C-alpha atoms as a PDB file:
ATOM      1  CA  MET A   1       3.318  57.694   9.320  1.00  0.00           C
ATOM      2  CA  LEU A   2       4.322  57.281   5.826  1.00  0.00           C
ATOM      3  CA  GLU A   3       0.998  58.261   3.622  1.00  0.00           C
ATOM      4  CA  ILE A   4       0.802  56.590   0.272  1.00  0.00           C
ATOM      5  CA  THR A   5      -2.258  57.912  -0.898  1.00  0.00           C
ATOM      6  CA  ASN A   6      -3.828  61.808  -0.911  1.00  0.00           C
ATOM      7  CA  LEU A   7      -7.052  60.920  -2.087  1.00  0.00           C
ATOM      8  CA  PRO A   8      -9.925  62.161  -0.289  1.00  0.00           C
ATOM      9  CA  ILE A   9     -11.826  60.230   1.790  1.00  0.00           C
ATOM     10  CA  TYR A  10     -15.162  60.131  -0.940  1.00  0.00           C
ATOM     11  CA  ILE A  11     -12.788  58.260  -3.329  1.00  0.00           C
ATOM     12  CA  SER A  12     -12.587  55.680  -0.977  1.00  0.00           C
ATOM     13  CA  ILE A  13     -16.291  55.540   0.032  1.00  0.00           C
ATOM     14  CA  ILE A  14     -16.819  55.776  -3.566  1.00  0.00           C
ATOM     15  CA  GLY A  15     -14.810  52.625  -4.283  1.00  0.00           C
ATOM     16  CA  PHE A  16     -16.759  50.884  -1.247  1.00  0.00           C
ATOM     17  CA  ILE A  17     -19.961  51.674  -2.833  1.00  0.00           C
ATOM     18  CA  GLY A  18     -18.493  50.044  -6.197  1.00  0.00           C
ATOM     19  CA  MET A  19     -17.435  46.962  -4.212  1.00  0.00           C
ATOM     20  CA  VAL A  20     -21.055  46.794  -2.889  1.00  0.00           C
ATOM     21  CA  ILE A  21     -22.542  46.749  -6.711  1.00  0.00           C
ATOM     22  CA  ALA A  22     -20.077  44.488  -8.176  1.00  0.00           C
ATOM     23  CA  LEU A  23     -20.950  41.737  -5.162  1.00  0.00           C
ATOM     24  CA  ILE A  24     -24.737  42.506  -5.445  1.00  0.00           C
ATOM     25  CA  LEU A  25     -24.233  41.848  -9.221  1.00  0.00           C
ATOM     26  CA  PHE A  26     -22.377  38.918  -8.717  1.00  0.00           C
ATOM     27  CA  PHE A  27     -25.533  37.334  -6.379  1.00  0.00           C
ATOM     28  CA  PHE A  28     -27.676  37.673  -9.352  1.00  0.00           C
ATOM     29  CA  VAL A  29     -25.543  36.653 -12.290  1.00  0.00           C
ATOM     30  CA  ASN A  30     -24.948  33.332  -9.714  1.00  0.00           C
ATOM     31  CA  ARG A  31     -28.918  33.485  -9.192  1.00  0.00           C
ATOM     32  CA  GLU A  32     -29.520  33.138 -12.956  1.00  0.00           C
ATOM     33  CA  ASN A  33     -26.659  31.060 -14.641  1.00  0.00           C
ATOM     34  CA  THR A  34     -25.913  27.527 -12.978  1.00  0.00           C
ATOM     35  CA  TYR A  35     -23.557  26.781 -15.975  1.00  0.00           C
ATOM     36  CA  LEU A  36     -20.538  29.417 -14.368  1.00  0.00           C
ATOM     37  CA  SER A  37     -17.225  27.525 -14.713  1.00  0.00           C
ATOM     38  CA  ARG A  38     -13.929  28.534 -14.009  1.00  0.00           C
ATOM     39  CA  VAL A  39     -13.005  26.844 -17.913  1.00  0.00           C
ATOM     40  CA  VAL A  40     -14.674  28.057 -21.127  1.00  0.00           C
ATOM     41  CA  GLU A  41     -16.951  25.050 -21.722  1.00  0.00           C
ATOM     42  CA  ILE A  42     -20.141  23.988 -23.003  1.00  0.00           C
ATOM     43  CA  GLN A  43     -21.905  21.548 -20.044  1.00  0.00           C
ATOM     44  CA  GLU A  44     -23.806  19.637 -22.272  1.00  0.00           C
ATOM     45  CA  GLU A  45     -24.079  16.580 -19.618  1.00  0.00           C
ATOM     46  CA  ARG A  46     -25.695  19.181 -17.586  1.00  0.00           C
ATOM     47  CA  GLY A  47     -28.096  20.232 -20.380  1.00  0.00           C
ATOM     48  CA  HIS A  48     -26.336  23.821 -21.082  1.00  0.00           C
ATOM     49  CA  LYS A  49     -28.434  26.659 -22.371  1.00  0.00           C
ATOM     50  CA  VAL A  50     -28.598  30.282 -22.933  1.00  0.00           C
ATOM     51  CA  ILE A  51     -29.351  32.598 -20.125  1.00  0.00           C
ATOM     52  CA  THR A  52     -31.499  35.621 -20.959  1.00  0.00           C
ATOM     53  CA  THR A  53     -33.108  36.421 -17.608  1.00  0.00           C
ATOM     54  CA  GLY A  54     -31.626  38.785 -14.909  1.00  0.00           C
ATOM     55  CA  PRO A  55     -28.375  40.722 -16.075  1.00  0.00           C
ATOM     56  CA  TYR A  56     -27.751  38.210 -18.979  1.00  0.00           C
ATOM     57  CA  ARG A  57     -30.786  40.994 -20.670  1.00  0.00           C
ATOM     58  CA  ILE A  58     -28.517  43.832 -20.172  1.00  0.00           C
ATOM     59  CA  VAL A  59     -24.936  42.166 -21.263  1.00  0.00           C
ATOM     60  CA  ARG A  60     -23.628  38.995 -22.665  1.00  0.00           C
ATOM     61  CA  HIS A  61     -21.001  38.395 -19.933  1.00  0.00           C
ATOM     62  CA  PRO A  62     -22.045  40.546 -16.717  1.00  0.00           C
ATOM     63  CA  MET A  63     -19.782  38.010 -14.307  1.00  0.00           C
ATOM     64  CA  TYR A  64     -16.907  39.301 -16.112  1.00  0.00           C
ATOM     65  CA  LEU A  65     -18.422  42.767 -15.751  1.00  0.00           C
ATOM     66  CA  ALA A  66     -18.720  42.074 -12.040  1.00  0.00           C
ATOM     67  CA  VAL A  67     -15.202  41.198 -11.679  1.00  0.00           C
ATOM     68  CA  ILE A  68     -14.039  44.612 -13.385  1.00  0.00           C
ATOM     69  CA  ILE A  69     -16.389  46.868 -11.024  1.00  0.00           C
ATOM     70  CA  LEU A  70     -14.815  44.789  -8.107  1.00  0.00           C
ATOM     71  CA  TYR A  71     -10.747  44.849  -8.938  1.00  0.00           C
ATOM     72  CA  ILE A  72     -11.265  48.354 -10.228  1.00  0.00           C
ATOM     73  CA  SER A  73     -12.830  49.537  -6.680  1.00  0.00           C
ATOM     74  CA  HIS A  74     -11.011  47.507  -4.584  1.00  0.00           C
ATOM     75  CA  CYS A  75      -8.111  49.488  -5.945  1.00  0.00           C
ATOM     76  CA  ILE A  76      -9.943  52.811  -5.345  1.00  0.00           C
ATOM     77  CA  ALA A  77     -11.375  51.869  -2.119  1.00  0.00           C
ATOM     78  CA  LEU A  78      -8.049  51.486  -0.713  1.00  0.00           C
ATOM     79  CA  GLY A  79      -6.674  54.595  -2.068  1.00  0.00           C
ATOM     80  CA  SER A  80      -4.148  52.741  -4.479  1.00  0.00           C
ATOM     81  CA  LEU A  81      -3.633  54.243  -7.920  1.00  0.00           C
ATOM     82  CA  PHE A  82      -0.750  52.436  -8.194  1.00  0.00           C
ATOM     83  CA  SER A  83      -2.909  49.202  -7.984  1.00  0.00           C
ATOM     84  CA  LEU A  84      -4.429  50.225 -10.988  1.00  0.00           C
ATOM     85  CA  ILE A  85      -1.710  49.121 -13.302  1.00  0.00           C
ATOM     86  CA  PRO A  86      -1.628  45.498 -12.601  1.00  0.00           C
ATOM     87  CA  CYS A  87      -5.723  45.875 -12.208  1.00  0.00           C
ATOM     88  CA  ALA A  88      -5.341  46.758 -15.932  1.00  0.00           C
ATOM     89  CA  PHE A  89      -3.681  43.468 -16.741  1.00  0.00           C
ATOM     90  CA  VAL A  90      -6.597  41.841 -15.091  1.00  0.00           C
ATOM     91  CA  ILE A  91      -9.319  43.669 -17.045  1.00  0.00           C
ATOM     92  CA  ILE A  92      -7.357  42.999 -20.640  1.00  0.00           C
ATOM     93  CA  THR A  93      -7.136  39.123 -19.529  1.00  0.00           C
ATOM     94  CA  LEU A  94     -10.929  39.261 -18.880  1.00  0.00           C
ATOM     95  CA  ILE A  95     -11.389  41.100 -22.054  1.00  0.00           C
ATOM     96  CA  LEU A  96      -9.740  38.592 -24.255  1.00  0.00           C
ATOM     97  CA  ARG A  97     -11.542  35.879 -22.187  1.00  0.00           C
ATOM     98  CA  THR A  98     -14.919  37.467 -23.294  1.00  0.00           C
ATOM     99  CA  ILE A  99     -14.066  37.757 -26.713  1.00  0.00           C
ATOM    100  CA  HIS A 100     -12.804  34.224 -26.490  1.00  0.00           C
ATOM    101  CA  GLU A 101     -15.759  32.754 -24.869  1.00  0.00           C
ATOM    102  CA  ASP A 102     -18.035  34.915 -27.093  1.00  0.00           C
ATOM    103  CA  LYS A 103     -16.564  33.120 -30.351  1.00  0.00           C
ATOM    104  CA  MET A 104     -17.066  29.690 -28.412  1.00  0.00           C
ATOM    105  CA  LEU A 105     -20.381  30.382 -27.371  1.00  0.00           C
ATOM    106  CA  HIS A 106     -21.723  31.194 -30.871  1.00  0.00           C
ATOM    107  CA  ASN A 107     -19.900  28.399 -32.488  1.00  0.00           C
ATOM    108  CA  GLN A 108     -21.550  25.589 -30.076  1.00  0.00           C
ATOM    109  CA  LEU A 109     -24.037  26.946 -27.749  1.00  0.00           C
ATOM    110  CA  GLU A 110     -27.581  26.230 -29.533  1.00  0.00           C
ATOM    111  CA  GLY A 111     -29.534  29.437 -29.347  1.00  0.00           C
ATOM    112  CA  TYR A 112     -26.715  31.683 -28.896  1.00  0.00           C
ATOM    113  CA  LYS A 113     -26.619  33.272 -32.034  1.00  0.00           C
ATOM    114  CA  GLU A 114     -30.291  34.655 -31.613  1.00  0.00           C
ATOM    115  CA  TYR A 115     -29.224  35.700 -28.444  1.00  0.00           C
ATOM    116  CA  ALA A 116     -26.271  37.616 -29.075  1.00  0.00           C
ATOM    117  CA  GLN A 117     -28.564  39.629 -32.212  1.00  0.00           C
ATOM    118  CA  LYS A 118     -30.943  40.666 -29.319  1.00  0.00           C
ATOM    119  CA  ILE A 119     -28.533  41.518 -26.466  1.00  0.00           C
ATOM    120  CA  ARG A 120     -25.634  43.227 -28.475  1.00  0.00           C
ATOM    121  CA  TYR A 121     -23.488  44.277 -25.553  1.00  0.00           C
ATOM    122  CA  LYS A 122     -20.864  41.515 -24.542  1.00  0.00           C
ATOM    123  CA  LEU A 123     -19.620  43.478 -21.443  1.00  0.00           C
ATOM    124  CA  ILE A 124     -20.204  46.963 -21.476  1.00  0.00           C
ATOM    125  CA  PRO A 125     -23.765  48.214 -21.447  1.00  0.00           C
ATOM    126  CA  CYS A 126     -24.001  50.888 -24.212  1.00  0.00           C
ATOM    127  CA  ILE A 127     -20.708  50.365 -25.402  1.00  0.00           C
ATOM    128  CA  TRP A 128     -19.415  47.038 -25.910  1.00  0.00           C
END
């Protein structure tokens, strides 16, 4: 049988653990933020407000962090280092979306500027 990877099994296990961590983070983000949407928008009709609890106490965009962890972990769990190449494009797209969304929230969501001053990191704790 043709083997596409020579990664040790413990690397795949680390990938699966990362996937579990990402799914747990998804759960906590969804529990705290009922304004999650596929599009970047302020949901005025629903009384959109700044969320400051749960994972939002650590980073301003924890859902995107969860997606990044899930994508990278999935590639590692399957032992496919080549799949990290398209994964990089997804990560770049999420970083660009984070930048765009953060600017929009600064300009349009009441209380977000104060929240952003308090929670410095957009996506990666202690880094950015």
